[in-house]
PDB file of all heavy atoms in Angstrom:
ATOM      1  N   ILE A   1      13.533 -10.146  11.778  1.00  0.00           N
ATOM      2  CA  ILE A   1      13.089 -10.230  10.385  1.00  0.00           C
ATOM      3  C   ILE A   1      11.609  -9.872  10.287  1.00  0.00           C
ATOM      4  O   ILE A   1      11.167  -9.211   9.344  1.00  0.00           O
ATOM      5  CB  ILE A   1      13.360 -11.640   9.817  1.00  0.00           C
ATOM      6  CG1 ILE A   1      14.850 -11.956   9.804  1.00  0.00           C
ATOM      7  CG2 ILE A   1      12.740 -11.812   8.447  1.00  0.00           C
ATOM      8  CD1 ILE A   1      15.680 -11.079   8.908  1.00  0.00           C
ATOM      9  N   GLU A   2      10.842 -10.279  11.285  1.00  0.00           N
ATOM     10  CA  GLU A   2       9.415  -9.969  11.296  1.00  0.00           C
ATOM     11  C   GLU A   2       9.173  -8.461  11.386  1.00  0.00           C
ATOM     12  O   GLU A   2       8.219  -7.940  10.806  1.00  0.00           O
ATOM     13  CB  GLU A   2       8.741 -10.684  12.469  1.00  0.00           C
ATOM     14  CG  GLU A   2       7.245 -10.646  12.394  1.00  0.00           C
ATOM     15  CD  GLU A   2       6.586 -11.530  13.442  1.00  0.00           C
ATOM     16  OE1 GLU A   2       7.293 -12.117  14.286  1.00  0.00           O
ATOM     17  OE2 GLU A   2       5.349 -11.606  13.410  1.00  0.00           O
ATOM     18  N   VAL A   3      10.048  -7.746  12.081  1.00  0.00           N
ATOM     19  CA  VAL A   3       9.937  -6.288  12.158  1.00  0.00           C
ATOM     20  C   VAL A   3      10.105  -5.680  10.769  1.00  0.00           C
ATOM     21  O   VAL A   3       9.358  -4.779  10.370  1.00  0.00           O
ATOM     22  CB  VAL A   3      10.967  -5.709  13.153  1.00  0.00           C
ATOM     23  CG1 VAL A   3      11.014  -4.193  13.076  1.00  0.00           C
ATOM     24  CG2 VAL A   3      10.642  -6.158  14.575  1.00  0.00           C
ATOM     25  N   LEU A   4      11.074  -6.174  10.008  1.00  0.00           N
ATOM     26  CA  LEU A   4      11.258  -5.695   8.632  1.00  0.00           C
ATOM     27  C   LEU A   4      10.047  -6.043   7.775  1.00  0.00           C
ATOM     28  O   LEU A   4       9.622  -5.250   6.924  1.00  0.00           O
ATOM     29  CB  LEU A   4      12.534  -6.284   8.029  1.00  0.00           C
ATOM     30  CG  LEU A   4      12.837  -5.932   6.573  1.00  0.00           C
ATOM     31  CD1 LEU A   4      12.871  -4.427   6.361  1.00  0.00           C
ATOM     32  CD2 LEU A   4      14.149  -6.565   6.146  1.00  0.00           C
ATOM     33  N   ALA A   5       9.466  -7.224   8.017  1.00  0.00           N
ATOM     34  CA  ALA A   5       8.275  -7.632   7.268  1.00  0.00           C
ATOM     35  C   ALA A   5       7.115  -6.668   7.529  1.00  0.00           C
ATOM     36  O   ALA A   5       6.298  -6.422   6.632  1.00  0.00           O
ATOM     37  CB  ALA A   5       7.876  -9.060   7.635  1.00  0.00           C
ATOM     38  N   LEU A   6       7.043  -6.105   8.734  1.00  0.00           N
ATOM     39  CA  LEU A   6       5.992  -5.129   9.032  1.00  0.00           C
ATOM     40  C   LEU A   6       6.095  -3.917   8.108  1.00  0.00           C
ATOM     41  O   LEU A   6       5.081  -3.396   7.636  1.00  0.00           O
ATOM     42  CB  LEU A   6       6.082  -4.675  10.492  1.00  0.00           C
ATOM     43  CG  LEU A   6       5.697  -5.699  11.550  1.00  0.00           C
ATOM     44  CD1 LEU A   6       5.954  -5.146  12.937  1.00  0.00           C
ATOM     45  CD2 LEU A   6       4.244  -6.126  11.392  1.00  0.00           C
ATOM     46  N   TYR A   7       7.319  -3.469   7.843  1.00  0.00           N
ATOM     47  CA  TYR A   7       7.522  -2.346   6.919  1.00  0.00           C
ATOM     48  C   TYR A   7       7.013  -2.724   5.527  1.00  0.00           C
ATOM     49  O   TYR A   7       6.341  -1.932   4.858  1.00  0.00           O
ATOM     50  CB  TYR A   7       9.003  -1.959   6.864  1.00  0.00           C
ATOM     51  CG  TYR A   7       9.291  -0.873   5.855  1.00  0.00           C
ATOM     52  CD1 TYR A   7       9.106   0.465   6.184  1.00  0.00           C
ATOM     53  CD2 TYR A   7       9.725  -1.184   4.570  1.00  0.00           C
ATOM     54  CE1 TYR A   7       9.352   1.470   5.254  1.00  0.00           C
ATOM     55  CE2 TYR A   7       9.976  -0.190   3.635  1.00  0.00           C
ATOM     56  CZ  TYR A   7       9.784   1.134   3.985  1.00  0.00           C
ATOM     57  OH  TYR A   7      10.014   2.115   3.053  1.00  0.00           O
ATOM     58  N   TRP A   8       7.340  -3.935   5.096  1.00  0.00           N
ATOM     59  CA  TRP A   8       6.923  -4.377   3.765  1.00  0.00           C
ATOM     60  C   TRP A   8       5.400  -4.452   3.668  1.00  0.00           C
ATOM     61  O   TRP A   8       4.800  -4.062   2.671  1.00  0.00           O
ATOM     62  CB  TRP A   8       7.576  -5.711   3.408  1.00  0.00           C
ATOM     63  CG  TRP A   8       7.459  -6.022   1.964  1.00  0.00           C
ATOM     64  CD1 TRP A   8       6.611  -6.913   1.379  1.00  0.00           C
ATOM     65  CD2 TRP A   8       8.193  -5.419   0.888  1.00  0.00           C
ATOM     66  NE1 TRP A   8       6.768  -6.910   0.013  1.00  0.00           N
ATOM     67  CE2 TRP A   8       7.740  -6.002  -0.307  1.00  0.00           C
ATOM     68  CE3 TRP A   8       9.189  -4.453   0.847  1.00  0.00           C
ATOM     69  CZ2 TRP A   8       8.256  -5.640  -1.549  1.00  0.00           C
ATOM     70  CZ3 TRP A   8       9.702  -4.093  -0.393  1.00  0.00           C
ATOM     71  CH2 TRP A   8       9.239  -4.695  -1.578  1.00  0.00           C
ATOM     72  N   HIS A   9       4.754  -4.948   4.729  1.00  0.00           N
ATOM     73  CA  HIS A   9       3.287  -4.983   4.746  1.00  0.00           C
ATOM     74  C   HIS A   9       2.712  -3.566   4.677  1.00  0.00           C
ATOM     75  O   HIS A   9       1.698  -3.334   4.021  1.00  0.00           O
ATOM     76  CB  HIS A   9       2.779  -5.692   6.005  1.00  0.00           C
ATOM     77  CG  HIS A   9       3.058  -7.160   6.037  1.00  0.00           C
ATOM     78  ND1 HIS A   9       2.778  -8.014   4.989  1.00  0.00           N
ATOM     79  CD2 HIS A   9       3.599  -7.938   7.010  1.00  0.00           C
ATOM     80  CE1 HIS A   9       3.131  -9.248   5.309  1.00  0.00           C
ATOM     81  NE2 HIS A   9       3.635  -9.226   6.528  1.00  0.00           N
ATOM     82  N   PHE A  10       3.363  -2.638   5.349  1.00  0.00           N
ATOM     83  CA  PHE A  10       2.935  -1.237   5.306  1.00  0.00           C
ATOM     84  C   PHE A  10       3.001  -0.705   3.880  1.00  0.00           C
ATOM     85  O   PHE A  10       2.056  -0.055   3.399  1.00  0.00           O
ATOM     86  CB  PHE A  10       3.812  -0.395   6.242  1.00  0.00           C
ATOM     87  CG  PHE A  10       3.714   1.079   6.013  1.00  0.00           C
ATOM     88  CD1 PHE A  10       2.566   1.774   6.340  1.00  0.00           C
ATOM     89  CD2 PHE A  10       4.772   1.783   5.448  1.00  0.00           C
ATOM     90  CE1 PHE A  10       2.467   3.146   6.117  1.00  0.00           C
ATOM     91  CE2 PHE A  10       4.694   3.149   5.233  1.00  0.00           C
ATOM     92  CZ  PHE A  10       3.528   3.830   5.564  1.00  0.00           C
ATOM     93  N   VAL A  11       4.093  -0.974   3.188  1.00  0.00           N
ATOM     94  CA  VAL A  11       4.252  -0.516   1.800  1.00  0.00           C
ATOM     95  C   VAL A  11       3.153  -1.101   0.925  1.00  0.00           C
ATOM     96  O   VAL A  11       2.581  -0.410   0.067  1.00  0.00           O
ATOM     97  CB  VAL A  11       5.659  -0.893   1.275  1.00  0.00           C
ATOM     98  CG1 VAL A  11       5.758  -0.698  -0.221  1.00  0.00           C
ATOM     99  CG2 VAL A  11       6.725  -0.070   1.985  1.00  0.00           C
ATOM    100  N   ASP A  12       2.819  -2.358   1.154  1.00  0.00           N
ATOM    101  CA  ASP A  12       1.747  -2.994   0.379  1.00  0.00           C
ATOM    102  C   ASP A  12       0.386  -2.369   0.691  1.00  0.00           C
ATOM    103  O   ASP A  12      -0.418  -2.123  -0.210  1.00  0.00           O
ATOM    104  CB  ASP A  12       1.701  -4.493   0.663  1.00  0.00           C
ATOM    105  CG  ASP A  12       2.858  -5.241   0.032  1.00  0.00           C
ATOM    106  OD1 ASP A  12       3.698  -4.593  -0.632  1.00  0.00           O
ATOM    107  OD2 ASP A  12       2.939  -6.467   0.190  1.00  0.00           O
ATOM    108  N   ALA A  13       0.136  -2.109   1.974  1.00  0.00           N
ATOM    109  CA  ALA A  13      -1.144  -1.511   2.371  1.00  0.00           C
ATOM    110  C   ALA A  13      -1.286  -0.104   1.783  1.00  0.00           C
ATOM    111  O   ALA A  13      -2.373   0.283   1.320  1.00  0.00           O
ATOM    112  CB  ALA A  13      -1.243  -1.462   3.897  1.00  0.00           C
ATOM    113  N   VAL A  14      -0.192   0.643   1.769  1.00  0.00           N
ATOM    114  CA  VAL A  14      -0.233   1.993   1.189  1.00  0.00           C
ATOM    115  C   VAL A  14      -0.560   1.906  -0.297  1.00  0.00           C
ATOM    116  O   VAL A  14      -1.294   2.738  -0.833  1.00  0.00           O
ATOM    117  CB  VAL A  14       1.098   2.733   1.431  1.00  0.00           C
ATOM    118  CG1 VAL A  14       1.183   3.992   0.577  1.00  0.00           C
ATOM    119  CG2 VAL A  14       1.243   3.099   2.896  1.00  0.00           C
ATOM    120  N   TRP A  15      -0.028   0.880  -0.975  1.00  0.00           N
ATOM    121  CA  TRP A  15      -0.325   0.746  -2.398  1.00  0.00           C
ATOM    122  C   TRP A  15      -1.819   0.554  -2.633  1.00  0.00           C
ATOM    123  O   TRP A  15      -2.368   1.058  -3.624  1.00  0.00           O
ATOM    124  CB  TRP A  15       0.466  -0.391  -3.041  1.00  0.00           C
ATOM    125  CG  TRP A  15       0.103  -0.536  -4.489  1.00  0.00           C
ATOM    126  CD1 TRP A  15      -0.571  -1.550  -5.080  1.00  0.00           C
ATOM    127  CD2 TRP A  15       0.362   0.436  -5.528  1.00  0.00           C
ATOM    128  NE1 TRP A  15      -0.754  -1.283  -6.427  1.00  0.00           N
ATOM    129  CE2 TRP A  15      -0.190  -0.073  -6.722  1.00  0.00           C
ATOM    130  CE3 TRP A  15       1.007   1.672  -5.541  1.00  0.00           C
ATOM    131  CZ2 TRP A  15      -0.114   0.610  -7.925  1.00  0.00           C
ATOM    132  CZ3 TRP A  15       1.075   2.357  -6.749  1.00  0.00           C
ATOM    133  CH2 TRP A  15       0.517   1.818  -7.917  1.00  0.00           C
ATOM    134  N   LEU A  16      -2.496  -0.163  -1.749  1.00  0.00           N
ATOM    135  CA  LEU A  16      -3.940  -0.334  -1.902  1.00  0.00           C
ATOM    136  C   LEU A  16      -4.645   1.030  -1.896  1.00  0.00           C
ATOM    137  O   LEU A  16      -5.553   1.275  -2.681  1.00  0.00           O
ATOM    138  CB  LEU A  16      -4.498  -1.203  -0.773  1.00  0.00           C
ATOM    139  CG  LEU A  16      -4.296  -2.699  -0.908  1.00  0.00           C
ATOM    140  CD1 LEU A  16      -4.807  -3.419   0.330  1.00  0.00           C
ATOM    141  CD2 LEU A  16      -4.988  -3.235  -2.152  1.00  0.00           C
ATOM    142  N   VAL A  17      -4.189   1.923  -1.012  1.00  0.00           N
ATOM    143  CA  VAL A  17      -4.764   3.269  -0.946  1.00  0.00           C
ATOM    144  C   VAL A  17      -4.427   4.051  -2.218  1.00  0.00           C
ATOM    145  O   VAL A  17      -5.304   4.663  -2.838  1.00  0.00           O
ATOM    146  CB  VAL A  17      -4.260   4.021   0.306  1.00  0.00           C
ATOM    147  CG1 VAL A  17      -4.752   5.459   0.306  1.00  0.00           C
ATOM    148  CG2 VAL A  17      -4.693   3.297   1.575  1.00  0.00           C
ATOM    149  N   VAL A  18      -3.154   4.016  -2.611  1.00  0.00           N
ATOM    150  CA  VAL A  18      -2.721   4.746  -3.810  1.00  0.00           C
ATOM    151  C   VAL A  18      -3.460   4.219  -5.047  1.00  0.00           C
ATOM    152  O   VAL A  18      -3.964   5.001  -5.859  1.00  0.00           O
ATOM    153  CB  VAL A  18      -1.190   4.640  -3.994  1.00  0.00           C
ATOM    154  CG1 VAL A  18      -0.758   5.224  -5.337  1.00  0.00           C
ATOM    155  CG2 VAL A  18      -0.469   5.341  -2.846  1.00  0.00           C
ATOM    156  N   PHE A  19      -3.532   2.912  -5.187  1.00  0.00           N
ATOM    157  CA  PHE A  19      -4.219   2.301  -6.326  1.00  0.00           C
ATOM    158  C   PHE A  19      -5.682   2.748  -6.368  1.00  0.00           C
ATOM    159  O   PHE A  19      -6.203   3.122  -7.418  1.00  0.00           O
ATOM    160  CB  PHE A  19      -4.120   0.776  -6.227  1.00  0.00           C
ATOM    161  CG  PHE A  19      -4.826   0.048  -7.325  1.00  0.00           C
ATOM    162  CD1 PHE A  19      -4.235  -0.106  -8.567  1.00  0.00           C
ATOM    163  CD2 PHE A  19      -6.097  -0.483  -7.130  1.00  0.00           C
ATOM    164  CE1 PHE A  19      -4.889  -0.780  -9.597  1.00  0.00           C
ATOM    165  CE2 PHE A  19      -6.760  -1.152  -8.139  1.00  0.00           C
ATOM    166  CZ  PHE A  19      -6.152  -1.300  -9.380  1.00  0.00           C
ATOM    167  N   THR A  20      -6.334   2.715  -5.220  1.00  0.00           N
ATOM    168  CA  THR A  20      -7.753   3.095  -5.160  1.00  0.00           C
ATOM    169  C   THR A  20      -7.948   4.565  -5.516  1.00  0.00           C
ATOM    170  O   THR A  20      -8.811   4.910  -6.333  1.00  0.00           O
ATOM    171  CB  THR A  20      -8.318   2.811  -3.753  1.00  0.00           C
ATOM    172  OG1 THR A  20      -8.155   1.424  -3.463  1.00  0.00           O
ATOM    173  CG2 THR A  20      -9.784   3.178  -3.671  1.00  0.00           C
ATOM    174  N   VAL A  21      -7.142   5.432  -4.934  1.00  0.00           N
ATOM    175  CA  VAL A  21      -7.306   6.873  -5.144  1.00  0.00           C
ATOM    176  C   VAL A  21      -6.894   7.289  -6.563  1.00  0.00           C
ATOM    177  O   VAL A  21      -7.622   8.034  -7.230  1.00  0.00           O
ATOM    178  CB  VAL A  21      -6.481   7.663  -4.091  1.00  0.00           C
ATOM    179  CG1 VAL A  21      -6.392   9.144  -4.454  1.00  0.00           C
ATOM    180  CG2 VAL A  21      -7.090   7.494  -2.717  1.00  0.00           C
ATOM    181  N   VAL A  22      -5.749   6.797  -7.025  1.00  0.00           N
ATOM    182  CA  VAL A  22      -5.215   7.252  -8.321  1.00  0.00           C
ATOM    183  C   VAL A  22      -5.899   6.552  -9.487  1.00  0.00           C
ATOM    184  O   VAL A  22      -6.315   7.197 -10.454  1.00  0.00           O
ATOM    185  CB  VAL A  22      -3.694   7.043  -8.371  1.00  0.00           C
ATOM    186  CG1 VAL A  22      -3.142   7.352  -9.763  1.00  0.00           C
ATOM    187  CG2 VAL A  22      -3.003   7.913  -7.326  1.00  0.00           C
ATOM    188  N   TYR A  23      -5.999   5.229  -9.417  1.00  0.00           N
ATOM    189  CA  TYR A  23      -6.414   4.468 -10.605  1.00  0.00           C
ATOM    190  C   TYR A  23      -7.904   4.136 -10.647  1.00  0.00           C
ATOM    191  O   TYR A  23      -8.431   3.834 -11.707  1.00  0.00           O
ATOM    192  CB  TYR A  23      -5.598   3.192 -10.709  1.00  0.00           C
ATOM    193  CG  TYR A  23      -4.137   3.456 -10.921  1.00  0.00           C
ATOM    194  CD1 TYR A  23      -3.242   3.480  -9.843  1.00  0.00           C
ATOM    195  CD2 TYR A  23      -3.641   3.699 -12.191  1.00  0.00           C
ATOM    196  CE1 TYR A  23      -1.898   3.732 -10.028  1.00  0.00           C
ATOM    197  CE2 TYR A  23      -2.285   3.954 -12.387  1.00  0.00           C
ATOM    198  CZ  TYR A  23      -1.420   3.969 -11.305  1.00  0.00           C
ATOM    199  OH  TYR A  23      -0.078   4.235 -11.497  1.00  0.00           O
ATOM    200  N   LEU A  24      -8.573   4.162  -9.504  1.00  0.00           N
ATOM    201  CA  LEU A  24      -9.999   3.863  -9.499  1.00  0.00           C
ATOM    202  C   LEU A  24     -10.826   5.125  -9.326  1.00  0.00           C
ATOM    203  O   LEU A  24     -11.597   5.505 -10.212  1.00  0.00           O
ATOM    204  CB  LEU A  24     -10.332   2.844  -8.404  1.00  0.00           C
ATOM    205  CG  LEU A  24      -9.660   1.478  -8.544  1.00  0.00           C
ATOM    206  CD1 LEU A  24     -10.060   0.545  -7.413  1.00  0.00           C
ATOM    207  CD2 LEU A  24      -9.975   0.833  -9.889  1.00  0.00           C
ATOM    208  N   ILE A  25     -10.658   5.822  -8.212  1.00  0.00           N
ATOM    209  CA  ILE A  25     -11.432   7.057  -7.962  1.00  0.00           C
ATOM    210  C   ILE A  25     -11.000   8.176  -8.900  1.00  0.00           C
ATOM    211  O   ILE A  25     -11.831   8.894  -9.450  1.00  0.00           O
ATOM    212  CB  ILE A  25     -11.275   7.500  -6.490  1.00  0.00           C
ATOM    213  CG1 ILE A  25     -11.870   6.451  -5.556  1.00  0.00           C
ATOM    214  CG2 ILE A  25     -11.912   8.858  -6.257  1.00  0.00           C
ATOM    215  CD1 ILE A  25     -11.604   6.700  -4.095  1.00  0.00           C
ATOM    216  N   GLY A  26      -9.686   8.306  -9.094  1.00  0.00           N
ATOM    217  CA  GLY A  26      -9.140   9.426  -9.861  1.00  0.00           C
ATOM    218  C   GLY A  26      -9.359   9.369 -11.353  1.00  0.00           C
ATOM    219  O   GLY A  26      -9.115  10.346 -12.058  1.00  0.00           O
ATOM    220  N   ARG A  27      -9.797   8.256 -11.871  1.00  0.00           N
ATOM    221  CA  ARG A  27     -10.031   8.154 -13.314  1.00  0.00           C
ATOM    222  C   ARG A  27     -11.465   8.496 -13.609  1.00  0.00           C
ATOM    223  O   ARG A  27     -11.914   8.742 -14.631  1.00  0.00           O
ATOM    224  CB  ARG A  27      -9.712   6.747 -13.800  1.00  0.00           C
ATOM    225  CG  ARG A  27      -8.227   6.498 -13.795  1.00  0.00           C
ATOM    226  CD  ARG A  27      -7.838   5.136 -14.300  1.00  0.00           C
ATOM    227  NE  ARG A  27      -8.059   5.070 -15.733  1.00  0.00           N
ATOM    228  CZ  ARG A  27      -8.488   3.999 -16.371  1.00  0.00           C
ATOM    229  NH1 ARG A  27      -8.763   2.913 -15.721  1.00  0.00           N
ATOM    230  NH2 ARG A  27      -8.657   4.004 -17.671  1.00  0.00           N
TER     231      ARG A  27
END
């Protein structure tokens, strides 16, 4: 289950990058 949680943490970490690039820097 912890291995699956690693994927979920990855998805969350990617969102931080997407949020920063698209909604903060990109505006």
